């Protein structure tokens, strides 16, 4: 695994944007956890975002894109796959 991916990165978003993102993710997670049809193997799916939430997601995506040069790396797919595996091994599935 690329050890540079262990480096912390700070991103800057308006507090209001983070508030909208937090509420959207928390509401999606809460809905998923309370689902009668949920099993341990069910995939977590965020709720469809409203226009404000969609704009907050796009703002976050743009901020990430400007922050991470790895997005443009020739081995981008491998970096993402390796880090996903790292997260699963660290936190479980």
PDB file of N, CA and C in Angstrom:
ATOM      1  N   UNK A   1       0.842  -1.182   0.000  1.00  0.00           N
ATOM      2  CA  UNK A   1       0.000   0.000   0.000  1.00  0.00           C
ATOM      3  C   UNK A   1       0.886   1.243   0.000  1.00  0.00           C
ATOM      4  N   UNK A   2       0.450   2.254  -0.697  1.00  0.00           N
ATOM      5  CA  UNK A   2       1.170   3.521  -0.788  1.00  0.00           C
ATOM      6  C   UNK A   2       1.100   4.237   0.561  1.00  0.00           C
ATOM      7  N   UNK A   3       2.219   4.364   1.230  1.00  0.00           N
ATOM      8  CA  UNK A   3       2.244   4.957   2.570  1.00  0.00           C
ATOM      9  C   UNK A   3       1.903   6.442   2.557  1.00  0.00           C
ATOM     10  N   UNK A   4       2.041   7.107   1.406  1.00  0.00           N
ATOM     11  CA  UNK A   4       1.665   8.517   1.335  1.00  0.00           C
ATOM     12  C   UNK A   4       0.171   8.698   1.604  1.00  0.00           C
ATOM     13  N   UNK A   5      -0.597   7.651   1.390  1.00  0.00           N
ATOM     14  CA  UNK A   5      -2.026   7.751   1.638  1.00  0.00           C
ATOM     15  C   UNK A   5      -2.357   7.781   3.124  1.00  0.00           C
ATOM     16  N   UNK A   6      -1.390   7.513   3.969  1.00  0.00           N
ATOM     17  CA  UNK A   6      -1.579   7.606   5.418  1.00  0.00           C
ATOM     18  C   UNK A   6      -1.534   9.049   5.910  1.00  0.00           C
ATOM     19  N   UNK A   7      -1.011   9.964   5.077  1.00  0.00           N
ATOM     20  CA  UNK A   7      -0.865  11.361   5.482  1.00  0.00           C
ATOM     21  C   UNK A   7      -2.229  12.022   5.658  1.00  0.00           C
ATOM     22  N   UNK A   8      -2.438  12.730   6.775  1.00  0.00           N
ATOM     23  CA  UNK A   8      -3.700  13.453   6.937  1.00  0.00           C
ATOM     24  C   UNK A   8      -3.795  14.591   5.925  1.00  0.00           C
ATOM     25  N   UNK A   9      -5.007  14.892   5.510  1.00  0.00           N
ATOM     26  CA  UNK A   9      -5.267  15.980   4.577  1.00  0.00           C
ATOM     27  C   UNK A   9      -6.365  16.845   5.179  1.00  0.00           C
ATOM     28  N   UNK A  10      -6.173  18.134   5.119  1.00  0.00           N
ATOM     29  CA  UNK A  10      -7.206  19.058   5.584  1.00  0.00           C
ATOM     30  C   UNK A  10      -7.923  19.636   4.368  1.00  0.00           C
ATOM     31  N   UNK A  11      -9.239  19.615   4.430  1.00  0.00           N
ATOM     32  CA  UNK A  11     -10.013  20.270   3.386  1.00  0.00           C
ATOM     33  C   UNK A  11     -10.841  21.367   4.043  1.00  0.00           C
ATOM     34  N   UNK A  12     -11.155  22.348   3.274  1.00  0.00           N
ATOM     35  CA  UNK A  12     -11.885  23.486   3.818  1.00  0.00           C
ATOM     36  C   UNK A  12     -13.200  23.659   3.076  1.00  0.00           C
ATOM     37  N   UNK A  13     -14.274  23.611   3.826  1.00  0.00           N
ATOM     38  CA  UNK A  13     -15.617  23.842   3.306  1.00  0.00           C
ATOM     39  C   UNK A  13     -16.326  24.790   4.264  1.00  0.00           C
ATOM     40  N   UNK A  14     -17.271  25.549   3.765  1.00  0.00           N
ATOM     41  CA  UNK A  14     -18.057  26.365   4.686  1.00  0.00           C
ATOM     42  C   UNK A  14     -18.761  25.478   5.719  1.00  0.00           C
ATOM     43  N   UNK A  15     -18.861  25.972   6.923  1.00  0.00           N
ATOM     44  CA  UNK A  15     -19.491  25.224   8.003  1.00  0.00           C
ATOM     45  C   UNK A  15     -20.912  24.793   7.639  1.00  0.00           C
ATOM     46  N   UNK A  16     -21.642  25.646   6.949  1.00  0.00           N
ATOM     47  CA  UNK A  16     -22.998  25.311   6.541  1.00  0.00           C
ATOM     48  C   UNK A  16     -23.038  24.125   5.595  1.00  0.00           C
ATOM     49  N   UNK A  17     -22.055  24.039   4.675  1.00  0.00           N
ATOM     50  CA  UNK A  17     -21.974  22.907   3.755  1.00  0.00           C
ATOM     51  C   UNK A  17     -21.733  21.622   4.529  1.00  0.00           C
ATOM     52  N   UNK A  18     -20.832  21.674   5.498  1.00  0.00           N
ATOM     53  CA  UNK A  18     -20.578  20.490   6.330  1.00  0.00           C
ATOM     54  C   UNK A  18     -21.803  20.103   7.144  1.00  0.00           C
ATOM     55  N   UNK A  19     -22.534  21.082   7.605  1.00  0.00           N
ATOM     56  CA  UNK A  19     -23.751  20.813   8.357  1.00  0.00           C
ATOM     57  C   UNK A  19     -24.760  20.064   7.486  1.00  0.00           C
ATOM     58  N   UNK A  20     -24.941  20.512   6.241  1.00  0.00           N
ATOM     59  CA  UNK A  20     -25.859  19.852   5.311  1.00  0.00           C
ATOM     60  C   UNK A  20     -25.382  18.434   5.019  1.00  0.00           C
ATOM     61  N   UNK A  21     -24.074  18.256   4.763  1.00  0.00           N
ATOM     62  CA  UNK A  21     -23.527  16.926   4.484  1.00  0.00           C
ATOM     63  C   UNK A  21     -23.702  15.997   5.679  1.00  0.00           C
ATOM     64  N   UNK A  22     -23.410  16.498   6.875  1.00  0.00           N
ATOM     65  CA  UNK A  22     -23.566  15.675   8.072  1.00  0.00           C
ATOM     66  C   UNK A  22     -25.016  15.218   8.230  1.00  0.00           C
ATOM     67  N   UNK A  23     -25.963  16.140   8.108  1.00  0.00           N
ATOM     68  CA  UNK A  23     -27.369  15.794   8.283  1.00  0.00           C
ATOM     69  C   UNK A  23     -27.816  14.774   7.238  1.00  0.00           C
ATOM     70  N   UNK A  24     -27.381  14.963   6.004  1.00  0.00           N
ATOM     71  CA  UNK A  24     -27.731  14.036   4.932  1.00  0.00           C
ATOM     72  C   UNK A  24     -27.189  12.631   5.218  1.00  0.00           C
ATOM     73  N   UNK A  25     -25.911  12.544   5.593  1.00  0.00           N
ATOM     74  CA  UNK A  25     -25.315  11.233   5.881  1.00  0.00           C
ATOM     75  C   UNK A  25     -25.922  10.597   7.127  1.00  0.00           C
ATOM     76  N   UNK A  26     -26.152  11.393   8.158  1.00  0.00           N
ATOM     77  CA  UNK A  26     -26.736  10.864   9.390  1.00  0.00           C
ATOM     78  C   UNK A  26     -28.161  10.373   9.144  1.00  0.00           C
ATOM     79  N   UNK A  27     -28.954  11.123   8.392  1.00  0.00           N
ATOM     80  CA  UNK A  27     -30.328  10.730   8.086  1.00  0.00           C
ATOM     81  C   UNK A  27     -30.343   9.470   7.225  1.00  0.00           C
ATOM     82  N   UNK A  28     -29.449   9.399   6.252  1.00  0.00           N
ATOM     83  CA  UNK A  28     -29.357   8.201   5.403  1.00  0.00           C
ATOM     84  C   UNK A  28     -28.969   6.989   6.224  1.00  0.00           C
ATOM     85  N   UNK A  29     -27.990   7.151   7.095  1.00  0.00           N
ATOM     86  CA  UNK A  29     -27.532   6.046   7.935  1.00  0.00           C
ATOM     87  C   UNK A  29     -28.620   5.599   8.898  1.00  0.00           C
ATOM     88  N   UNK A  30     -29.306   6.558   9.497  1.00  0.00           N
ATOM     89  CA  UNK A  30     -30.375   6.240  10.438  1.00  0.00           C
ATOM     90  C   UNK A  30     -31.506   5.484   9.740  1.00  0.00           C
ATOM     91  N   UNK A  31     -31.874   5.919   8.549  1.00  0.00           N
ATOM     92  CA  UNK A  31     -32.924   5.246   7.780  1.00  0.00           C
ATOM     93  C   UNK A  31     -32.504   3.826   7.439  1.00  0.00           C
ATOM     94  N   UNK A  32     -31.263   3.643   7.049  1.00  0.00           N
ATOM     95  CA  UNK A  32     -30.750   2.319   6.717  1.00  0.00           C
ATOM     96  C   UNK A  32     -30.780   1.394   7.937  1.00  0.00           C
ATOM     97  N   UNK A  33     -30.313   1.912   9.075  1.00  0.00           N
ATOM     98  CA  UNK A  33     -30.281   1.085  10.295  1.00  0.00           C
ATOM     99  C   UNK A  33     -31.675   0.670  10.743  1.00  0.00           C
ATOM    100  N   UNK A  34     -32.669   1.526  10.537  1.00  0.00           N
ATOM    101  CA  UNK A  34     -34.031   1.247  10.998  1.00  0.00           C
ATOM    102  C   UNK A  34     -34.850   0.439   9.997  1.00  0.00           C
ATOM    103  N   UNK A  35     -34.308   0.175   8.834  1.00  0.00           N
ATOM    104  CA  UNK A  35     -35.043  -0.526   7.788  1.00  0.00           C
ATOM    105  C   UNK A  35     -35.425  -1.928   8.252  1.00  0.00           C
ATOM    106  N   UNK A  36     -36.697  -2.283   8.070  1.00  0.00           N
ATOM    107  CA  UNK A  36     -37.178  -3.617   8.431  1.00  0.00           C
ATOM    108  C   UNK A  36     -36.544  -4.689   7.558  1.00  0.00           C
ATOM    109  N   UNK A  37     -36.118  -4.324   6.360  1.00  0.00           N
ATOM    110  CA  UNK A  37     -35.571  -5.292   5.418  1.00  0.00           C
ATOM    111  C   UNK A  37     -34.052  -5.374   5.497  1.00  0.00           C
ATOM    112  N   UNK A  38     -33.470  -4.678   6.424  1.00  0.00           N
ATOM    113  CA  UNK A  38     -32.014  -4.634   6.538  1.00  0.00           C
ATOM    114  C   UNK A  38     -31.476  -5.937   7.111  1.00  0.00           C
ATOM    115  N   UNK A  39     -30.437  -6.462   6.510  1.00  0.00           N
ATOM    116  CA  UNK A  39     -29.699  -7.586   7.069  1.00  0.00           C
ATOM    117  C   UNK A  39     -28.235  -7.160   7.134  1.00  0.00           C
ATOM    118  N   UNK A  40     -27.417  -7.941   7.782  1.00  0.00           N
ATOM    119  CA  UNK A  40     -26.010  -7.576   7.906  1.00  0.00           C
ATOM    120  C   UNK A  40     -25.307  -7.467   6.561  1.00  0.00           C
ATOM    121  N   UNK A  41     -25.852  -8.117   5.530  1.00  0.00           N
ATOM    122  CA  UNK A  41     -25.226  -8.085   4.213  1.00  0.00           C
ATOM    123  C   UNK A  41     -25.782  -6.996   3.307  1.00  0.00           C
ATOM    124  N   UNK A  42     -26.804  -6.255   3.763  1.00  0.00           N
ATOM    125  CA  UNK A  42     -27.370  -5.195   2.942  1.00  0.00           C
ATOM    126  C   UNK A  42     -26.364  -4.075   2.746  1.00  0.00           C
ATOM    127  N   UNK A  43     -26.350  -3.551   1.542  1.00  0.00           N
ATOM    128  CA  UNK A  43     -25.472  -2.432   1.236  1.00  0.00           C
ATOM    129  C   UNK A  43     -26.103  -1.149   1.774  1.00  0.00           C
ATOM    130  N   UNK A  44     -25.275  -0.309   2.333  1.00  0.00           N
ATOM    131  CA  UNK A  44     -25.720   1.012   2.767  1.00  0.00           C
ATOM    132  C   UNK A  44     -25.924   1.864   1.521  1.00  0.00           C
ATOM    133  N   UNK A  45     -27.095   2.448   1.394  1.00  0.00           N
ATOM    134  CA  UNK A  45     -27.393   3.329   0.270  1.00  0.00           C
ATOM    135  C   UNK A  45     -27.892   4.659   0.811  1.00  0.00           C
ATOM    136  N   UNK A  46     -27.182   5.731   0.485  1.00  0.00           N
ATOM    137  CA  UNK A  46     -27.683   7.044   0.930  1.00  0.00           C
ATOM    138  C   UNK A  46     -29.054   7.319   0.310  1.00  0.00           C
ATOM    139  N   UNK A  47     -29.838   8.102   0.991  1.00  0.00           N
ATOM    140  CA  UNK A  47     -31.131   8.519   0.465  1.00  0.00           C
ATOM    141  C   UNK A  47     -30.913   9.412  -0.753  1.00  0.00           C
ATOM    142  N   UNK A  48     -31.885   9.490  -1.652  1.00  0.00           N
ATOM    143  CA  UNK A  48     -31.746  10.433  -2.765  1.00  0.00           C
ATOM    144  C   UNK A  48     -31.606  11.855  -2.208  1.00  0.00           C
ATOM    145  N   UNK A  49     -30.570  12.569  -2.637  1.00  0.00           N
ATOM    146  CA  UNK A  49     -30.365  13.913  -2.092  1.00  0.00           C
ATOM    147  C   UNK A  49     -31.335  14.923  -2.690  1.00  0.00           C
ATOM    148  N   UNK A  50     -31.724  15.913  -1.889  1.00  0.00           N
ATOM    149  CA  UNK A  50     -32.488  17.023  -2.447  1.00  0.00           C
ATOM    150  C   UNK A  50     -31.490  17.981  -3.113  1.00  0.00           C
ATOM    151  N   UNK A  51     -31.965  19.062  -3.681  1.00  0.00           N
ATOM    152  CA  UNK A  51     -31.059  19.936  -4.446  1.00  0.00           C
ATOM    153  C   UNK A  51     -29.986  20.581  -3.572  1.00  0.00           C
ATOM    154  N   UNK A  52     -30.310  20.933  -2.344  1.00  0.00           N
ATOM    155  CA  UNK A  52     -29.298  21.498  -1.451  1.00  0.00           C
ATOM    156  C   UNK A  52     -28.235  20.480  -1.083  1.00  0.00           C
ATOM    157  N   UNK A  53     -28.659  19.255  -0.795  1.00  0.00           N
ATOM    158  CA  UNK A  53     -27.711  18.183  -0.462  1.00  0.00           C
ATOM    159  C   UNK A  53     -26.844  17.832  -1.662  1.00  0.00           C
ATOM    160  N   UNK A  54     -27.457  17.802  -2.849  1.00  0.00           N
ATOM    161  CA  UNK A  54     -26.699  17.508  -4.069  1.00  0.00           C
ATOM    162  C   UNK A  54     -25.626  18.571  -4.304  1.00  0.00           C
ATOM    163  N   UNK A  55     -25.958  19.828  -4.082  1.00  0.00           N
ATOM    164  CA  UNK A  55     -24.964  20.899  -4.232  1.00  0.00           C
ATOM    165  C   UNK A  55     -23.850  20.775  -3.204  1.00  0.00           C
ATOM    166  N   UNK A  56     -24.188  20.377  -1.991  1.00  0.00           N
ATOM    167  CA  UNK A  56     -23.159  20.175  -0.958  1.00  0.00           C
ATOM    168  C   UNK A  56     -22.231  19.025  -1.351  1.00  0.00           C
ATOM    169  N   UNK A  57     -22.790  17.953  -1.911  1.00  0.00           N
ATOM    170  CA  UNK A  57     -21.975  16.821  -2.357  1.00  0.00           C
ATOM    171  C   UNK A  57     -21.037  17.261  -3.483  1.00  0.00           C
ATOM    172  N   UNK A  58     -21.561  18.028  -4.431  1.00  0.00           N
ATOM    173  CA  UNK A  58     -20.717  18.521  -5.529  1.00  0.00           C
ATOM    174  C   UNK A  58     -19.612  19.432  -5.018  1.00  0.00           C
ATOM    175  N   UNK A  59     -19.924  20.243  -4.005  1.00  0.00           N
ATOM    176  CA  UNK A  59     -18.915  21.125  -3.402  1.00  0.00           C
ATOM    177  C   UNK A  59     -17.809  20.288  -2.759  1.00  0.00           C
ATOM    178  N   UNK A  60     -18.203  19.247  -2.032  1.00  0.00           N
ATOM    179  CA  UNK A  60     -17.224  18.357  -1.418  1.00  0.00           C
ATOM    180  C   UNK A  60     -16.383  17.661  -2.485  1.00  0.00           C
ATOM    181  N   UNK A  61     -17.022  17.158  -3.529  1.00  0.00           N
ATOM    182  CA  UNK A  61     -16.295  16.485  -4.609  1.00  0.00           C
ATOM    183  C   UNK A  61     -15.265  17.421  -5.247  1.00  0.00           C
ATOM    184  N   UNK A  62     -15.664  18.652  -5.533  1.00  0.00           N
ATOM    185  CA  UNK A  62     -14.737  19.614  -6.122  1.00  0.00           C
ATOM    186  C   UNK A  62     -13.575  19.942  -5.199  1.00  0.00           C
ATOM    187  N   UNK A  63     -13.860  20.053  -3.915  1.00  0.00           N
ATOM    188  CA  UNK A  63     -12.802  20.331  -2.938  1.00  0.00           C
ATOM    189  C   UNK A  63     -11.822  19.172  -2.860  1.00  0.00           C
ATOM    190  N   UNK A  64     -12.338  17.953  -2.867  1.00  0.00           N
ATOM    191  CA  UNK A  64     -11.469  16.773  -2.850  1.00  0.00           C
ATOM    192  C   UNK A  64     -10.608  16.743  -4.111  1.00  0.00           C
ATOM    193  N   UNK A  65     -11.235  17.020  -5.252  1.00  0.00           N
ATOM    194  CA  UNK A  65     -10.507  16.987  -6.528  1.00  0.00           C
ATOM    195  C   UNK A  65      -9.348  17.991  -6.536  1.00  0.00           C
ATOM    196  N   UNK A  66      -9.572  19.155  -5.961  1.00  0.00           N
ATOM    197  CA  UNK A  66      -8.500  20.166  -5.912  1.00  0.00           C
ATOM    198  C   UNK A  66      -7.428  19.839  -4.872  1.00  0.00           C
ATOM    199  N   UNK A  67      -7.739  18.951  -3.943  1.00  0.00           N
ATOM    200  CA  UNK A  67      -6.842  18.651  -2.834  1.00  0.00           C
ATOM    201  C   UNK A  67      -5.946  17.440  -3.091  1.00  0.00           C
ATOM    202  N   UNK A  68      -6.431  16.459  -3.836  1.00  0.00           N
ATOM    203  CA  UNK A  68      -5.719  15.187  -3.990  1.00  0.00           C
ATOM    204  C   UNK A  68      -5.143  15.007  -5.396  1.00  0.00           C
ATOM    205  N   UNK A  69      -3.840  15.169  -5.560  1.00  0.00           N
ATOM    206  CA  UNK A  69      -3.244  14.927  -6.881  1.00  0.00           C
ATOM    207  C   UNK A  69      -3.327  13.459  -7.295  1.00  0.00           C
ATOM    208  N   UNK A  70      -3.527  12.553  -6.338  1.00  0.00           N
ATOM    209  CA  UNK A  70      -3.623  11.123  -6.640  1.00  0.00           C
ATOM    210  C   UNK A  70      -4.796  10.806  -7.579  1.00  0.00           C
ATOM    211  N   UNK A  71      -5.784  11.675  -7.621  1.00  0.00           N
ATOM    212  CA  UNK A  71      -6.930  11.463  -8.512  1.00  0.00           C
ATOM    213  C   UNK A  71      -6.463  11.353  -9.962  1.00  0.00           C
ATOM    214  N   UNK A  72      -5.372  12.017 -10.291  1.00  0.00           N
ATOM    215  CA  UNK A  72      -4.872  12.047 -11.665  1.00  0.00           C
ATOM    216  C   UNK A  72      -3.711  11.073 -11.886  1.00  0.00           C
ATOM    217  N   UNK A  73      -3.460  10.214 -10.910  1.00  0.00           N
ATOM    218  CA  UNK A  73      -2.363   9.257 -10.986  1.00  0.00           C
ATOM    219  C   UNK A  73      -2.685   8.132 -11.967  1.00  0.00           C
ATOM    220  N   UNK A  74      -1.658   7.643 -12.633  1.00  0.00           N
ATOM    221  CA  UNK A  74      -1.829   6.508 -13.556  1.00  0.00           C
ATOM    222  C   UNK A  74      -2.292   5.253 -12.817  1.00  0.00           C
ATOM    223  N   UNK A  75      -1.949   5.127 -11.538  1.00  0.00           N
ATOM    224  CA  UNK A  75      -2.354   3.946 -10.768  1.00  0.00           C
ATOM    225  C   UNK A  75      -3.504   4.258  -9.796  1.00  0.00           C
ATOM    226  N   UNK A  76      -4.344   5.213 -10.179  1.00  0.00           N
ATOM    227  CA  UNK A  76      -5.486   5.627  -9.369  1.00  0.00           C
ATOM    228  C   UNK A  76      -6.359   4.443  -8.944  1.00  0.00           C
ATOM    229  N   UNK A  77      -6.720   3.574  -9.890  1.00  0.00           N
ATOM    230  CA  UNK A  77      -7.592   2.430  -9.563  1.00  0.00           C
ATOM    231  C   UNK A  77      -6.970   1.531  -8.505  1.00  0.00           C
ATOM    232  N   UNK A  78      -5.666   1.291  -8.602  1.00  0.00           N
ATOM    233  CA  UNK A  78      -4.979   0.455  -7.615  1.00  0.00           C
ATOM    234  C   UNK A  78      -4.957   1.140  -6.260  1.00  0.00           C
ATOM    235  N   UNK A  79      -4.690   2.452  -6.250  1.00  0.00           N
ATOM    236  CA  UNK A  79      -4.665   3.196  -4.984  1.00  0.00           C
ATOM    237  C   UNK A  79      -6.010   3.096  -4.271  1.00  0.00           C
ATOM    238  N   UNK A  80      -7.088   3.274  -5.025  1.00  0.00           N
ATOM    239  CA  UNK A  80      -8.426   3.206  -4.432  1.00  0.00           C
ATOM    240  C   UNK A  80      -8.709   1.790  -3.922  1.00  0.00           C
ATOM    241  N   UNK A  81      -8.413   0.789  -4.723  1.00  0.00           N
ATOM    242  CA  UNK A  81      -8.662  -0.602  -4.320  1.00  0.00           C
ATOM    243  C   UNK A  81      -7.852  -0.964  -3.072  1.00  0.00           C
ATOM    244  N   UNK A  82      -6.587  -0.588  -3.051  1.00  0.00           N
ATOM    245  CA  UNK A  82      -5.739  -0.884  -1.892  1.00  0.00           C
ATOM    246  C   UNK A  82      -6.281  -0.210  -0.630  1.00  0.00           C
ATOM    247  N   UNK A  83      -6.696   1.042  -0.760  1.00  0.00           N
ATOM    248  CA  UNK A  83      -7.161   1.766   0.420  1.00  0.00           C
ATOM    249  C   UNK A  83      -8.508   1.234   0.899  1.00  0.00           C
ATOM    250  N   UNK A  84      -9.367   0.818  -0.019  1.00  0.00           N
ATOM    251  CA  UNK A  84     -10.622   0.179   0.391  1.00  0.00           C
ATOM    252  C   UNK A  84     -10.325  -1.064   1.226  1.00  0.00           C
ATOM    253  N   UNK A  85      -9.390  -1.876   0.764  1.00  0.00           N
ATOM    254  CA  UNK A  85      -9.021  -3.082   1.500  1.00  0.00           C
ATOM    255  C   UNK A  85      -8.451  -2.728   2.871  1.00  0.00           C
ATOM    256  N   UNK A  86      -7.658  -1.677   2.920  1.00  0.00           N
ATOM    257  CA  UNK A  86      -7.096  -1.204   4.190  1.00  0.00           C
ATOM    258  C   UNK A  86      -8.226  -0.823   5.156  1.00  0.00           C
ATOM    259  N   UNK A  87      -9.226  -0.092   4.663  1.00  0.00           N
ATOM    260  CA  UNK A  87     -10.339   0.330   5.515  1.00  0.00           C
ATOM    261  C   UNK A  87     -11.133  -0.859   6.023  1.00  0.00           C
ATOM    262  N   UNK A  88     -11.360  -1.848   5.165  1.00  0.00           N
ATOM    263  CA  UNK A  88     -12.091  -3.051   5.580  1.00  0.00           C
ATOM    264  C   UNK A  88     -11.297  -3.815   6.630  1.00  0.00           C
ATOM    265  N   UNK A  89     -10.000  -3.946   6.423  1.00  0.00           N
ATOM    266  CA  UNK A  89      -9.200  -4.679   7.405  1.00  0.00           C
ATOM    267  C   UNK A  89      -9.096  -3.913   8.730  1.00  0.00           C
ATOM    268  N   UNK A  90      -9.142  -2.588   8.664  1.00  0.00           N
ATOM    269  CA  UNK A  90      -9.033  -1.786   9.879  1.00  0.00           C
ATOM    270  C   UNK A  90     -10.356  -1.695  10.638  1.00  0.00           C
ATOM    271  N   UNK A  91     -11.463  -1.539   9.910  1.00  0.00           N
ATOM    272  CA  UNK A  91     -12.743  -1.287  10.560  1.00  0.00           C
ATOM    273  C   UNK A  91     -13.784  -2.383  10.358  1.00  0.00           C
ATOM    274  N   UNK A  92     -13.515  -3.354   9.524  1.00  0.00           N
ATOM    275  CA  UNK A  92     -14.496  -4.396   9.238  1.00  0.00           C
ATOM    276  C   UNK A  92     -15.391  -3.996   8.082  1.00  0.00           C
ATOM    277  N   UNK A  93     -16.220  -4.947   7.676  1.00  0.00           N
ATOM    278  CA  UNK A  93     -17.068  -4.682   6.499  1.00  0.00           C
ATOM    279  C   UNK A  93     -18.368  -4.013   6.835  1.00  0.00           C
TER     280      UNK A  93
END
